[in-house]
Each structure stands twice: as structure tokens, then as C-alpha cells.
């Protein structure tokens, strides 16, 4: 399976994925992540992984804007059977060009990472 990347719901090959150069995860390493595995196309122990991801985000004082179900849907859209997934969520920047900007959700799935 080739690597697939999901950035805020847009799934592309790695070379086509785009995040802002002003993203706090890129500039400051300000992010949280979880790594999970799938078996027969299903994320393994997803509820535990999501709870840890939420706990990590709470620990650096930002709230995940996605529900458990929305996050699971994005993982399912990104995954293939028998591969892992690493959701990364970067801290939202309060304002950029006078517009509120939310966090960036980055997921990658494939056999090479």
C-alpha cells in the first residue's frame, strides 16, 4: 500500500500534502499525536487512543475541535486494511490575518512509516 496523508480531511499522496508554514506544529513542535494499528480494516482500541489524544491536548491546554466520531471517520477515510495511522493535531493559532484559525489535523497511513 502506498502512503496516504490526510490534512484537515484532504487525502493526498505525501508529496501533495500541504500545511501552512505558519502552523504552530511546524514552527514550534506544538502538537499532540497518537499512533494506532488496524486489524481487518478496523482501528484497534480506537476509544482508548482517542481518550489519550484528548488527554494530551487537554494537558497542553487546547481542546480538540473534532468529536470522537468525526475523528474515527477521518481515520477510516485515510486507512487501508492492516496499516497503522498516526493522527497529529497541532495547536490552533488564535488569529491569522484577523480570522480565527483552528488546529491542523494531520494523519498518515501506509507501510513506509
PDB file of N, CA and C in Angstrom:
ATOM      1  N   UNK A   1       0.842  -1.184   0.000  1.00  0.00           N
ATOM      2  CA  UNK A   1       0.000   0.000   0.000  1.00  0.00           C
ATOM      3  C   UNK A   1       0.880   1.238   0.000  1.00  0.00           C
ATOM      4  N   UNK A   2       0.535   2.213  -0.783  1.00  0.00           N
ATOM      5  CA  UNK A   2       1.274   3.463  -0.784  1.00  0.00           C
ATOM      6  C   UNK A   2       0.839   4.315   0.412  1.00  0.00           C
ATOM      7  N   UNK A   3       1.675   5.268   0.749  1.00  0.00           N
ATOM      8  CA  UNK A   3       1.378   6.156   1.869  1.00  0.00           C
ATOM      9  C   UNK A   3       0.303   7.156   1.453  1.00  0.00           C
ATOM     10  N   UNK A   4      -0.631   7.388   2.361  1.00  0.00           N
ATOM     11  CA  UNK A   4      -1.679   8.394   2.162  1.00  0.00           C
ATOM     12  C   UNK A   4      -1.607   9.375   3.314  1.00  0.00           C
ATOM     13  N   UNK A   5      -1.850  10.643   3.030  1.00  0.00           N
ATOM     14  CA  UNK A   5      -1.815  11.685   4.046  1.00  0.00           C
ATOM     15  C   UNK A   5      -3.156  12.415   4.032  1.00  0.00           C
ATOM     16  N   UNK A   6      -3.687  12.661   5.209  1.00  0.00           N
ATOM     17  CA  UNK A   6      -4.942  13.385   5.371  1.00  0.00           C
ATOM     18  C   UNK A   6      -4.627  14.660   6.154  1.00  0.00           C
ATOM     19  N   UNK A   7      -4.810  15.811   5.517  1.00  0.00           N
ATOM     20  CA  UNK A   7      -4.632  17.095   6.197  1.00  0.00           C
ATOM     21  C   UNK A   7      -5.982  17.795   6.214  1.00  0.00           C
ATOM     22  N   UNK A   8      -6.561  17.868   7.386  1.00  0.00           N
ATOM     23  CA  UNK A   8      -7.879  18.504   7.560  1.00  0.00           C
ATOM     24  C   UNK A   8      -8.923  17.968   6.587  1.00  0.00           C
ATOM     25  N   UNK A   9      -8.897  16.638   6.364  1.00  0.00           N
ATOM     26  CA  UNK A   9      -9.907  15.991   5.538  1.00  0.00           C
ATOM     27  C   UNK A   9      -9.557  15.846   4.071  1.00  0.00           C
ATOM     28  N   UNK A  10      -8.436  16.416   3.641  1.00  0.00           N
ATOM     29  CA  UNK A  10      -7.998  16.299   2.249  1.00  0.00           C
ATOM     30  C   UNK A  10      -6.952  15.192   2.173  1.00  0.00           C
ATOM     31  N   UNK A  11      -7.255  14.113   1.451  1.00  0.00           N
ATOM     32  CA  UNK A  11      -6.367  12.949   1.373  1.00  0.00           C
ATOM     33  C   UNK A  11      -5.578  13.015   0.071  1.00  0.00           C
ATOM     34  N   UNK A  12      -4.244  12.929   0.206  1.00  0.00           N
ATOM     35  CA  UNK A  12      -3.349  13.021  -0.942  1.00  0.00           C
ATOM     36  C   UNK A  12      -2.146  12.109  -0.733  1.00  0.00           C
ATOM     37  N   UNK A  13      -1.337  11.893  -1.783  1.00  0.00           N
ATOM     38  CA  UNK A  13      -0.022  11.299  -1.584  1.00  0.00           C
ATOM     39  C   UNK A  13       0.837  12.286  -0.780  1.00  0.00           C
ATOM     40  N   UNK A  14       1.890  11.810  -0.111  1.00  0.00           N
ATOM     41  CA  UNK A  14       2.695  12.700   0.736  1.00  0.00           C
ATOM     42  C   UNK A  14       3.231  13.938   0.027  1.00  0.00           C
ATOM     43  N   UNK A  15       3.668  13.803  -1.217  1.00  0.00           N
ATOM     44  CA  UNK A  15       4.241  14.935  -1.932  1.00  0.00           C
ATOM     45  C   UNK A  15       3.260  16.026  -2.280  1.00  0.00           C
ATOM     46  N   UNK A  16       1.968  15.737  -2.151  1.00  0.00           N
ATOM     47  CA  UNK A  16       0.941  16.732  -2.469  1.00  0.00           C
ATOM     48  C   UNK A  16       0.283  17.327  -1.228  1.00  0.00           C
ATOM     49  N   UNK A  17       0.612  16.813  -0.043  1.00  0.00           N
ATOM     50  CA  UNK A  17       0.011  17.318   1.196  1.00  0.00           C
ATOM     51  C   UNK A  17       0.550  18.706   1.507  1.00  0.00           C
ATOM     52  N   UNK A  18      -0.321  19.570   2.045  1.00  0.00           N
ATOM     53  CA  UNK A  18       0.074  20.947   2.322  1.00  0.00           C
ATOM     54  C   UNK A  18      -0.400  21.380   3.699  1.00  0.00           C
ATOM     55  N   UNK A  19       0.528  22.001   4.443  1.00  0.00           N
ATOM     56  CA  UNK A  19       0.171  22.702   5.672  1.00  0.00           C
ATOM     57  C   UNK A  19       0.814  24.085   5.591  1.00  0.00           C
ATOM     58  N   UNK A  20       0.287  25.016   6.347  1.00  0.00           N
ATOM     59  CA  UNK A  20       0.809  26.372   6.348  1.00  0.00           C
ATOM     60  C   UNK A  20       2.208  26.407   6.967  1.00  0.00           C
ATOM     61  N   UNK A  21       3.065  27.246   6.434  1.00  0.00           N
ATOM     62  CA  UNK A  21       4.390  27.434   7.035  1.00  0.00           C
ATOM     63  C   UNK A  21       4.280  28.164   8.368  1.00  0.00           C
ATOM     64  N   UNK A  22       3.093  28.706   8.673  1.00  0.00           N
ATOM     65  CA  UNK A  22       2.862  29.365   9.951  1.00  0.00           C
ATOM     66  C   UNK A  22       2.212  28.441  10.977  1.00  0.00           C
ATOM     67  N   UNK A  23       2.009  27.169  10.630  1.00  0.00           N
ATOM     68  CA  UNK A  23       1.381  26.215  11.534  1.00  0.00           C
ATOM     69  C   UNK A  23       2.235  26.049  12.788  1.00  0.00           C
ATOM     70  N   UNK A  24       1.608  26.104  13.953  1.00  0.00           N
ATOM     71  CA  UNK A  24       2.346  26.006  15.214  1.00  0.00           C
ATOM     72  C   UNK A  24       3.025  24.655  15.409  1.00  0.00           C
ATOM     73  N   UNK A  25       2.471  23.605  14.832  1.00  0.00           N
ATOM     74  CA  UNK A  25       3.139  22.310  14.908  1.00  0.00           C
ATOM     75  C   UNK A  25       4.469  22.328  14.175  1.00  0.00           C
ATOM     76  N   UNK A  26       4.509  22.997  13.036  1.00  0.00           N
ATOM     77  CA  UNK A  26       5.736  23.126  12.255  1.00  0.00           C
ATOM     78  C   UNK A  26       6.712  24.088  12.917  1.00  0.00           C
ATOM     79  N   UNK A  27       6.233  25.259  13.304  1.00  0.00           N
ATOM     80  CA  UNK A  27       7.122  26.285  13.852  1.00  0.00           C
ATOM     81  C   UNK A  27       7.650  25.959  15.244  1.00  0.00           C
ATOM     82  N   UNK A  28       6.796  25.388  16.095  1.00  0.00           N
ATOM     83  CA  UNK A  28       7.151  25.228  17.498  1.00  0.00           C
ATOM     84  C   UNK A  28       7.084  23.789  18.004  1.00  0.00           C
ATOM     85  N   UNK A  29       6.725  22.851  17.133  1.00  0.00           N
ATOM     86  CA  UNK A  29       6.539  21.476  17.591  1.00  0.00           C
ATOM     87  C   UNK A  29       5.376  21.366  18.556  1.00  0.00           C
ATOM     88  N   UNK A  30       4.443  22.282  18.445  1.00  0.00           N
ATOM     89  CA  UNK A  30       3.327  22.403  19.377  1.00  0.00           C
ATOM     90  C   UNK A  30       2.171  21.536  18.889  1.00  0.00           C
ATOM     91  N   UNK A  31       2.207  20.257  19.269  1.00  0.00           N
ATOM     92  CA  UNK A  31       1.211  19.317  18.773  1.00  0.00           C
ATOM     93  C   UNK A  31       1.103  18.126  19.708  1.00  0.00           C
ATOM     94  N   UNK A  32       0.083  17.328  19.489  1.00  0.00           N
ATOM     95  CA  UNK A  32      -0.088  16.056  20.188  1.00  0.00           C
ATOM     96  C   UNK A  32      -0.348  14.992  19.136  1.00  0.00           C
ATOM     97  N   UNK A  33      -0.044  13.741  19.466  1.00  0.00           N
ATOM     98  CA  UNK A  33      -0.301  12.671  18.496  1.00  0.00           C
ATOM     99  C   UNK A  33      -0.565  11.359  19.207  1.00  0.00           C
ATOM    100  N   UNK A  34      -1.125  10.436  18.474  1.00  0.00           N
ATOM    101  CA  UNK A  34      -1.359   9.057  18.890  1.00  0.00           C
ATOM    102  C   UNK A  34      -0.981   8.184  17.711  1.00  0.00           C
ATOM    103  N   UNK A  35      -0.544   6.985  17.977  1.00  0.00           N
ATOM    104  CA  UNK A  35      -0.272   6.011  16.928  1.00  0.00           C
ATOM    105  C   UNK A  35      -1.154   4.807  17.191  1.00  0.00           C
ATOM    106  N   UNK A  36      -1.871   4.357  16.173  1.00  0.00           N
ATOM    107  CA  UNK A  36      -2.723   3.192  16.360  1.00  0.00           C
ATOM    108  C   UNK A  36      -2.610   2.259  15.169  1.00  0.00           C
ATOM    109  N   UNK A  37      -3.022   1.056  15.372  1.00  0.00           N
ATOM    110  CA  UNK A  37      -2.936  -0.005  14.368  1.00  0.00           C
ATOM    111  C   UNK A  37      -4.344  -0.423  13.963  1.00  0.00           C
ATOM    112  N   UNK A  38      -4.461  -0.939  12.759  1.00  0.00           N
ATOM    113  CA  UNK A  38      -5.736  -1.502  12.335  1.00  0.00           C
ATOM    114  C   UNK A  38      -5.577  -2.998  12.111  1.00  0.00           C
ATOM    115  N   UNK A  39      -6.658  -3.697  12.323  1.00  0.00           N
ATOM    116  CA  UNK A  39      -6.730  -5.123  12.025  1.00  0.00           C
ATOM    117  C   UNK A  39      -8.001  -5.350  11.238  1.00  0.00           C
ATOM    118  N   UNK A  40      -7.870  -5.986  10.095  1.00  0.00           N
ATOM    119  CA  UNK A  40      -9.002  -6.243   9.195  1.00  0.00           C
ATOM    120  C   UNK A  40      -9.761  -4.949   8.887  1.00  0.00           C
ATOM    121  N   UNK A  41      -8.984  -3.874   8.683  1.00  0.00           N
ATOM    122  CA  UNK A  41      -9.569  -2.597   8.304  1.00  0.00           C
ATOM    123  C   UNK A  41     -10.209  -1.804   9.426  1.00  0.00           C
ATOM    124  N   UNK A  42     -10.084  -2.267  10.670  1.00  0.00           N
ATOM    125  CA  UNK A  42     -10.701  -1.570  11.793  1.00  0.00           C
ATOM    126  C   UNK A  42      -9.627  -1.056  12.742  1.00  0.00           C
ATOM    127  N   UNK A  43      -9.728   0.224  13.157  1.00  0.00           N
ATOM    128  CA  UNK A  43      -8.772   0.749  14.132  1.00  0.00           C
ATOM    129  C   UNK A  43      -8.872  -0.027  15.447  1.00  0.00           C
ATOM    130  N   UNK A  44      -7.727  -0.467  15.956  1.00  0.00           N
ATOM    131  CA  UNK A  44      -7.657  -1.277  17.170  1.00  0.00           C
ATOM    132  C   UNK A  44      -7.674  -0.369  18.394  1.00  0.00           C
ATOM    133  N   UNK A  45      -8.603  -0.626  19.314  1.00  0.00           N
ATOM    134  CA  UNK A  45      -8.740   0.111  20.568  1.00  0.00           C
ATOM    135  C   UNK A  45      -8.852   1.623  20.350  1.00  0.00           C
ATOM    136  N   UNK A  46      -9.633   2.005  19.343  1.00  0.00           N
ATOM    137  CA  UNK A  46      -9.731   3.422  18.995  1.00  0.00           C
ATOM    138  C   UNK A  46     -10.180   4.283  20.177  1.00  0.00           C
ATOM    139  N   UNK A  47     -11.155   3.843  20.948  1.00  0.00           N
ATOM    140  CA  UNK A  47     -11.652   4.667  22.056  1.00  0.00           C
ATOM    141  C   UNK A  47     -10.541   5.017  23.031  1.00  0.00           C
ATOM    142  N   UNK A  48      -9.665   4.061  23.315  1.00  0.00           N
ATOM    143  CA  UNK A  48      -8.531   4.332  24.215  1.00  0.00           C
ATOM    144  C   UNK A  48      -7.555   5.321  23.584  1.00  0.00           C
ATOM    145  N   UNK A  49      -7.285   5.135  22.301  1.00  0.00           N
ATOM    146  CA  UNK A  49      -6.364   6.048  21.622  1.00  0.00           C
ATOM    147  C   UNK A  49      -6.932   7.467  21.583  1.00  0.00           C
ATOM    148  N   UNK A  50      -8.228   7.590  21.280  1.00  0.00           N
ATOM    149  CA  UNK A  50      -8.834   8.914  21.232  1.00  0.00           C
ATOM    150  C   UNK A  50      -8.818   9.556  22.615  1.00  0.00           C
ATOM    151  N   UNK A  51      -9.099   8.779  23.650  1.00  0.00           N
ATOM    152  CA  UNK A  51      -9.074   9.323  25.017  1.00  0.00           C
ATOM    153  C   UNK A  51      -7.680   9.842  25.362  1.00  0.00           C
ATOM    154  N   UNK A  52      -6.634   9.111  24.948  1.00  0.00           N
ATOM    155  CA  UNK A  52      -5.258   9.574  25.202  1.00  0.00           C
ATOM    156  C   UNK A  52      -4.942  10.829  24.394  1.00  0.00           C
ATOM    157  N   UNK A  53      -5.400  10.879  23.130  1.00  0.00           N
ATOM    158  CA  UNK A  53      -5.182  12.063  22.308  1.00  0.00           C
ATOM    159  C   UNK A  53      -5.849  13.276  22.952  1.00  0.00           C
ATOM    160  N   UNK A  54      -7.079  13.108  23.416  1.00  0.00           N
ATOM    161  CA  UNK A  54      -7.800  14.195  24.081  1.00  0.00           C
ATOM    162  C   UNK A  54      -7.102  14.601  25.369  1.00  0.00           C
ATOM    163  N   UNK A  55      -6.654  13.615  26.137  1.00  0.00           N
ATOM    164  CA  UNK A  55      -5.936  13.897  27.388  1.00  0.00           C
ATOM    165  C   UNK A  55      -4.650  14.684  27.110  1.00  0.00           C
ATOM    166  N   UNK A  56      -3.935  14.295  26.059  1.00  0.00           N
ATOM    167  CA  UNK A  56      -2.705  15.021  25.700  1.00  0.00           C
ATOM    168  C   UNK A  56      -3.019  16.456  25.302  1.00  0.00           C
ATOM    169  N   UNK A  57      -4.074  16.655  24.510  1.00  0.00           N
ATOM    170  CA  UNK A  57      -4.466  18.009  24.110  1.00  0.00           C
ATOM    171  C   UNK A  57      -4.875  18.829  25.333  1.00  0.00           C
ATOM    172  N   UNK A  58      -5.643  18.228  26.226  1.00  0.00           N
ATOM    173  CA  UNK A  58      -6.027  18.916  27.462  1.00  0.00           C
ATOM    174  C   UNK A  58      -4.792  19.302  28.274  1.00  0.00           C
ATOM    175  N   UNK A  59      -3.773  18.435  28.242  1.00  0.00           N
ATOM    176  CA  UNK A  59      -2.544  18.673  29.012  1.00  0.00           C
ATOM    177  C   UNK A  59      -1.768  19.894  28.545  1.00  0.00           C
ATOM    178  N   UNK A  60      -1.904  20.271  27.284  1.00  0.00           N
ATOM    179  CA  UNK A  60      -1.244  21.495  26.821  1.00  0.00           C
ATOM    180  C   UNK A  60      -2.277  22.591  26.566  1.00  0.00           C
ATOM    181  N   UNK A  61      -3.432  22.406  27.155  1.00  0.00           N
ATOM    182  CA  UNK A  61      -4.490  23.406  27.238  1.00  0.00           C
ATOM    183  C   UNK A  61      -5.057  23.856  25.896  1.00  0.00           C
ATOM    184  N   UNK A  62      -5.399  22.874  25.066  1.00  0.00           N
ATOM    185  CA  UNK A  62      -6.268  23.182  23.934  1.00  0.00           C
ATOM    186  C   UNK A  62      -7.233  22.036  23.709  1.00  0.00           C
ATOM    187  N   UNK A  63      -8.410  22.405  23.274  1.00  0.00           N
ATOM    188  CA  UNK A  63      -9.497  21.455  23.089  1.00  0.00           C
ATOM    189  C   UNK A  63      -9.538  20.955  21.659  1.00  0.00           C
ATOM    190  N   UNK A  64      -9.717  19.658  21.495  1.00  0.00           N
ATOM    191  CA  UNK A  64      -9.880  19.113  20.153  1.00  0.00           C
ATOM    192  C   UNK A  64     -11.217  19.581  19.585  1.00  0.00           C
ATOM    193  N   UNK A  65     -11.236  20.078  18.363  1.00  0.00           N
ATOM    194  CA  UNK A  65     -12.491  20.555  17.796  1.00  0.00           C
ATOM    195  C   UNK A  65     -13.318  19.458  17.156  1.00  0.00           C
ATOM    196  N   UNK A  66     -12.779  18.221  17.119  1.00  0.00           N
ATOM    197  CA  UNK A  66     -13.487  17.124  16.472  1.00  0.00           C
ATOM    198  C   UNK A  66     -13.996  16.160  17.516  1.00  0.00           C
ATOM    199  N   UNK A  67     -15.181  15.647  17.289  1.00  0.00           N
ATOM    200  CA  UNK A  67     -15.718  14.630  18.180  1.00  0.00           C
ATOM    201  C   UNK A  67     -15.000  13.311  17.937  1.00  0.00           C
ATOM    202  N   UNK A  68     -15.238  12.385  18.817  1.00  0.00           N
ATOM    203  CA  UNK A  68     -14.686  11.040  18.656  1.00  0.00           C
ATOM    204  C   UNK A  68     -15.128  10.455  17.316  1.00  0.00           C
ATOM    205  N   UNK A  69     -16.409  10.614  16.990  1.00  0.00           N
ATOM    206  CA  UNK A  69     -16.957  10.043  15.760  1.00  0.00           C
ATOM    207  C   UNK A  69     -16.365  10.699  14.516  1.00  0.00           C
ATOM    208  N   UNK A  70     -16.185  12.018  14.539  1.00  0.00           N
ATOM    209  CA  UNK A  70     -15.584  12.712  13.394  1.00  0.00           C
ATOM    210  C   UNK A  70     -14.135  12.274  13.184  1.00  0.00           C
ATOM    211  N   UNK A  71     -13.407  12.107  14.274  1.00  0.00           N
ATOM    212  CA  UNK A  71     -12.015  11.658  14.174  1.00  0.00           C
ATOM    213  C   UNK A  71     -11.959  10.243  13.633  1.00  0.00           C
ATOM    214  N   UNK A  72     -12.823   9.368  14.126  1.00  0.00           N
ATOM    215  CA  UNK A  72     -12.865   7.990  13.635  1.00  0.00           C
ATOM    216  C   UNK A  72     -13.204   7.955  12.148  1.00  0.00           C
ATOM    217  N   UNK A  73     -14.135   8.800  11.716  1.00  0.00           N
ATOM    218  CA  UNK A  73     -14.483   8.862  10.303  1.00  0.00           C
ATOM    219  C   UNK A  73     -13.272   9.254   9.450  1.00  0.00           C
ATOM    220  N   UNK A  74     -12.502  10.238   9.903  1.00  0.00           N
ATOM    221  CA  UNK A  74     -11.314  10.655   9.149  1.00  0.00           C
ATOM    222  C   UNK A  74     -10.252   9.543   9.129  1.00  0.00           C
ATOM    223  N   UNK A  75     -10.106   8.834  10.213  1.00  0.00           N
ATOM    224  CA  UNK A  75      -9.163   7.712  10.241  1.00  0.00           C
ATOM    225  C   UNK A  75      -9.599   6.648   9.243  1.00  0.00           C
ATOM    226  N   UNK A  76     -10.871   6.318   9.236  1.00  0.00           N
ATOM    227  CA  UNK A  76     -11.375   5.296   8.295  1.00  0.00           C
ATOM    228  C   UNK A  76     -11.182   5.734   6.845  1.00  0.00           C
ATOM    229  N   UNK A  77     -11.380   7.019   6.562  1.00  0.00           N
ATOM    230  CA  UNK A  77     -11.185   7.526   5.209  1.00  0.00           C
ATOM    231  C   UNK A  77      -9.720   7.426   4.785  1.00  0.00           C
ATOM    232  N   UNK A  78      -8.806   7.543   5.726  1.00  0.00           N
ATOM    233  CA  UNK A  78      -7.375   7.571   5.420  1.00  0.00           C
ATOM    234  C   UNK A  78      -6.772   6.178   5.337  1.00  0.00           C
ATOM    235  N   UNK A  79      -7.283   5.249   6.116  1.00  0.00           N
ATOM    236  CA  UNK A  79      -6.671   3.930   6.273  1.00  0.00           C
ATOM    237  C   UNK A  79      -6.919   2.974   5.126  1.00  0.00           C
ATOM    238  N   UNK A  80      -6.047   1.998   5.068  1.00  0.00           N
ATOM    239  CA  UNK A  80      -6.262   0.769   4.325  1.00  0.00           C
ATOM    240  C   UNK A  80      -6.179  -0.356   5.337  1.00  0.00           C
ATOM    241  N   UNK A  81      -6.550  -1.565   4.977  1.00  0.00           N
ATOM    242  CA  UNK A  81      -6.506  -2.669   5.939  1.00  0.00           C
ATOM    243  C   UNK A  81      -5.082  -3.012   6.338  1.00  0.00           C
ATOM    244  N   UNK A  82      -4.908  -3.294   7.628  1.00  0.00           N
ATOM    245  CA  UNK A  82      -3.629  -3.785   8.122  1.00  0.00           C
ATOM    246  C   UNK A  82      -2.526  -2.759   8.215  1.00  0.00           C
ATOM    247  N   UNK A  83      -2.871  -1.484   8.209  1.00  0.00           N
ATOM    248  CA  UNK A  83      -1.840  -0.458   8.345  1.00  0.00           C
ATOM    249  C   UNK A  83      -2.104   0.361   9.593  1.00  0.00           C
ATOM    250  N   UNK A  84      -1.102   1.106   9.991  1.00  0.00           N
ATOM    251  CA  UNK A  84      -1.246   1.976  11.144  1.00  0.00           C
ATOM    252  C   UNK A  84      -1.671   3.365  10.717  1.00  0.00           C
ATOM    253  N   UNK A  85      -1.940   4.185  11.708  1.00  0.00           N
ATOM    254  CA  UNK A  85      -2.346   5.555  11.465  1.00  0.00           C
ATOM    255  C   UNK A  85      -1.786   6.385  12.595  1.00  0.00           C
ATOM    256  N   UNK A  86      -1.314   7.568  12.273  1.00  0.00           N
ATOM    257  CA  UNK A  86      -0.779   8.450  13.300  1.00  0.00           C
ATOM    258  C   UNK A  86      -1.476   9.798  13.208  1.00  0.00           C
ATOM    259  N   UNK A  87      -2.566  10.007  13.975  1.00  0.00           N
ATOM    260  CA  UNK A  87      -3.186  11.326  13.982  1.00  0.00           C
ATOM    261  C   UNK A  87      -2.315  12.319  14.743  1.00  0.00           C
ATOM    262  N   UNK A  88      -2.043  13.450  14.149  1.00  0.00           N
ATOM    263  CA  UNK A  88      -1.293  14.536  14.771  1.00  0.00           C
ATOM    264  C   UNK A  88      -2.198  15.756  14.748  1.00  0.00           C
ATOM    265  N   UNK A  89      -2.314  16.429  15.888  1.00  0.00           N
ATOM    266  CA  UNK A  89      -3.122  17.633  15.967  1.00  0.00           C
ATOM    267  C   UNK A  89      -2.220  18.761  16.439  1.00  0.00           C
ATOM    268  N   UNK A  90      -2.155  19.850  15.662  1.00  0.00           N
ATOM    269  CA  UNK A  90      -1.318  20.977  16.045  1.00  0.00           C
ATOM    270  C   UNK A  90      -2.157  22.045  16.719  1.00  0.00           C
ATOM    271  N   UNK A  91      -1.509  22.811  17.576  1.00  0.00           N
ATOM    272  CA  UNK A  91      -2.215  23.845  18.330  1.00  0.00           C
ATOM    273  C   UNK A  91      -2.793  24.900  17.387  1.00  0.00           C
ATOM    274  N   UNK A  92      -4.004  25.339  17.688  1.00  0.00           N
ATOM    275  CA  UNK A  92      -4.565  26.406  16.868  1.00  0.00           C
ATOM    276  C   UNK A  92      -3.844  27.721  17.135  1.00  0.00           C
ATOM    277  N   UNK A  93      -3.679  28.490  16.098  1.00  0.00           N
ATOM    278  CA  UNK A  93      -3.195  29.851  16.264  1.00  0.00           C
ATOM    279  C   UNK A  93      -4.432  30.709  16.441  1.00  0.00           C
ATOM    280  N   UNK A  94      -4.435  31.580  17.419  1.00  0.00           N
ATOM    281  CA  UNK A  94      -5.639  32.325  17.762  1.00  0.00           C
ATOM    282  C   UNK A  94      -6.183  33.103  16.561  1.00  0.00           C
ATOM    283  N   UNK A  95      -5.336  33.842  15.899  1.00  0.00           N
ATOM    284  CA  UNK A  95      -5.796  34.618  14.745  1.00  0.00           C
ATOM    285  C   UNK A  95      -4.691  34.680  13.709  1.00  0.00           C
ATOM    286  N   UNK A  96      -5.086  34.621  12.469  1.00  0.00           N
ATOM    287  CA  UNK A  96      -4.166  34.815  11.354  1.00  0.00           C
ATOM    288  C   UNK A  96      -4.909  35.704  10.372  1.00  0.00           C
ATOM    289  N   UNK A  97      -4.342  36.835  10.063  1.00  0.00           N
ATOM    290  CA  UNK A  97      -4.986  37.811   9.170  1.00  0.00           C
ATOM    291  C   UNK A  97      -6.400  38.136   9.657  1.00  0.00           C
ATOM    292  N   UNK A  98      -6.517  38.365  10.971  1.00  0.00           N
ATOM    293  CA  UNK A  98      -7.774  38.762  11.616  1.00  0.00           C
ATOM    294  C   UNK A  98      -8.893  37.735  11.506  1.00  0.00           C
ATOM    295  N   UNK A  99      -8.559  36.470  11.214  1.00  0.00           N
ATOM    296  CA  UNK A  99      -9.553  35.395  11.178  1.00  0.00           C
ATOM    297  C   UNK A  99      -9.123  34.318  12.168  1.00  0.00           C
ATOM    298  N   UNK A 100     -10.072  33.795  12.946  1.00  0.00           N
ATOM    299  CA  UNK A 100      -9.701  32.691  13.839  1.00  0.00           C
ATOM    300  C   UNK A 100      -9.266  31.478  13.011  1.00  0.00           C
ATOM    301  N   UNK A 101      -8.235  30.801  13.457  1.00  0.00           N
ATOM    302  CA  UNK A 101      -7.707  29.632  12.754  1.00  0.00           C
ATOM    303  C   UNK A 101      -7.673  28.464  13.724  1.00  0.00           C
ATOM    304  N   UNK A 102      -8.266  27.348  13.316  1.00  0.00           N
ATOM    305  CA  UNK A 102      -8.309  26.169  14.171  1.00  0.00           C
ATOM    306  C   UNK A 102      -7.043  25.340  14.061  1.00  0.00           C
ATOM    307  N   UNK A 103      -6.968  24.279  14.826  1.00  0.00           N
ATOM    308  CA  UNK A 103      -5.824  23.384  14.755  1.00  0.00           C
ATOM    309  C   UNK A 103      -5.782  22.646  13.420  1.00  0.00           C
ATOM    310  N   UNK A 104      -4.637  22.089  13.114  1.00  0.00           N
ATOM    311  CA  UNK A 104      -4.472  21.291  11.913  1.00  0.00           C
ATOM    312  C   UNK A 104      -4.496  19.824  12.312  1.00  0.00           C
ATOM    313  N   UNK A 105      -5.271  19.014  11.610  1.00  0.00           N
ATOM    314  CA  UNK A 105      -5.294  17.572  11.826  1.00  0.00           C
ATOM    315  C   UNK A 105      -4.542  16.924  10.674  1.00  0.00           C
ATOM    316  N   UNK A 106      -3.480  16.196  11.014  1.00  0.00           N
ATOM    317  CA  UNK A 106      -2.674  15.516  10.011  1.00  0.00           C
ATOM    318  C   UNK A 106      -2.688  14.036  10.352  1.00  0.00           C
ATOM    319  N   UNK A 107      -3.005  13.193   9.370  1.00  0.00           N
ATOM    320  CA  UNK A 107      -2.952  11.739   9.555  1.00  0.00           C
ATOM    321  C   UNK A 107      -2.165  11.159   8.403  1.00  0.00           C
ATOM    322  N   UNK A 108      -1.375  10.155   8.697  1.00  0.00           N
ATOM    323  CA  UNK A 108      -0.732   9.439   7.601  1.00  0.00           C
ATOM    324  C   UNK A 108      -0.943   7.955   7.809  1.00  0.00           C
ATOM    325  N   UNK A 109      -1.055   7.254   6.701  1.00  0.00           N
ATOM    326  CA  UNK A 109      -1.292   5.819   6.758  1.00  0.00           C
ATOM    327  C   UNK A 109      -0.507   5.180   5.621  1.00  0.00           C
ATOM    328  N   UNK A 110       0.091   4.051   5.892  1.00  0.00           N
ATOM    329  CA  UNK A 110       0.835   3.348   4.865  1.00  0.00           C
ATOM    330  C   UNK A 110       1.888   2.457   5.479  1.00  0.00           C
ATOM    331  N   UNK A 111       2.604   1.786   4.646  1.00  0.00           N
ATOM    332  CA  UNK A 111       3.541   0.786   5.135  1.00  0.00           C
ATOM    333  C   UNK A 111       4.937   1.315   5.357  1.00  0.00           C
ATOM    334  N   UNK A 112       5.240   2.534   4.935  1.00  0.00           N
ATOM    335  CA  UNK A 112       6.614   3.022   4.991  1.00  0.00           C
ATOM    336  C   UNK A 112       6.962   3.855   6.195  1.00  0.00           C
ATOM    337  N   UNK A 113       6.055   4.100   7.090  1.00  0.00           N
ATOM    338  CA  UNK A 113       6.420   4.917   8.237  1.00  0.00           C
ATOM    339  C   UNK A 113       6.463   4.082   9.474  1.00  0.00           C
TER     340      UNK A 113
END
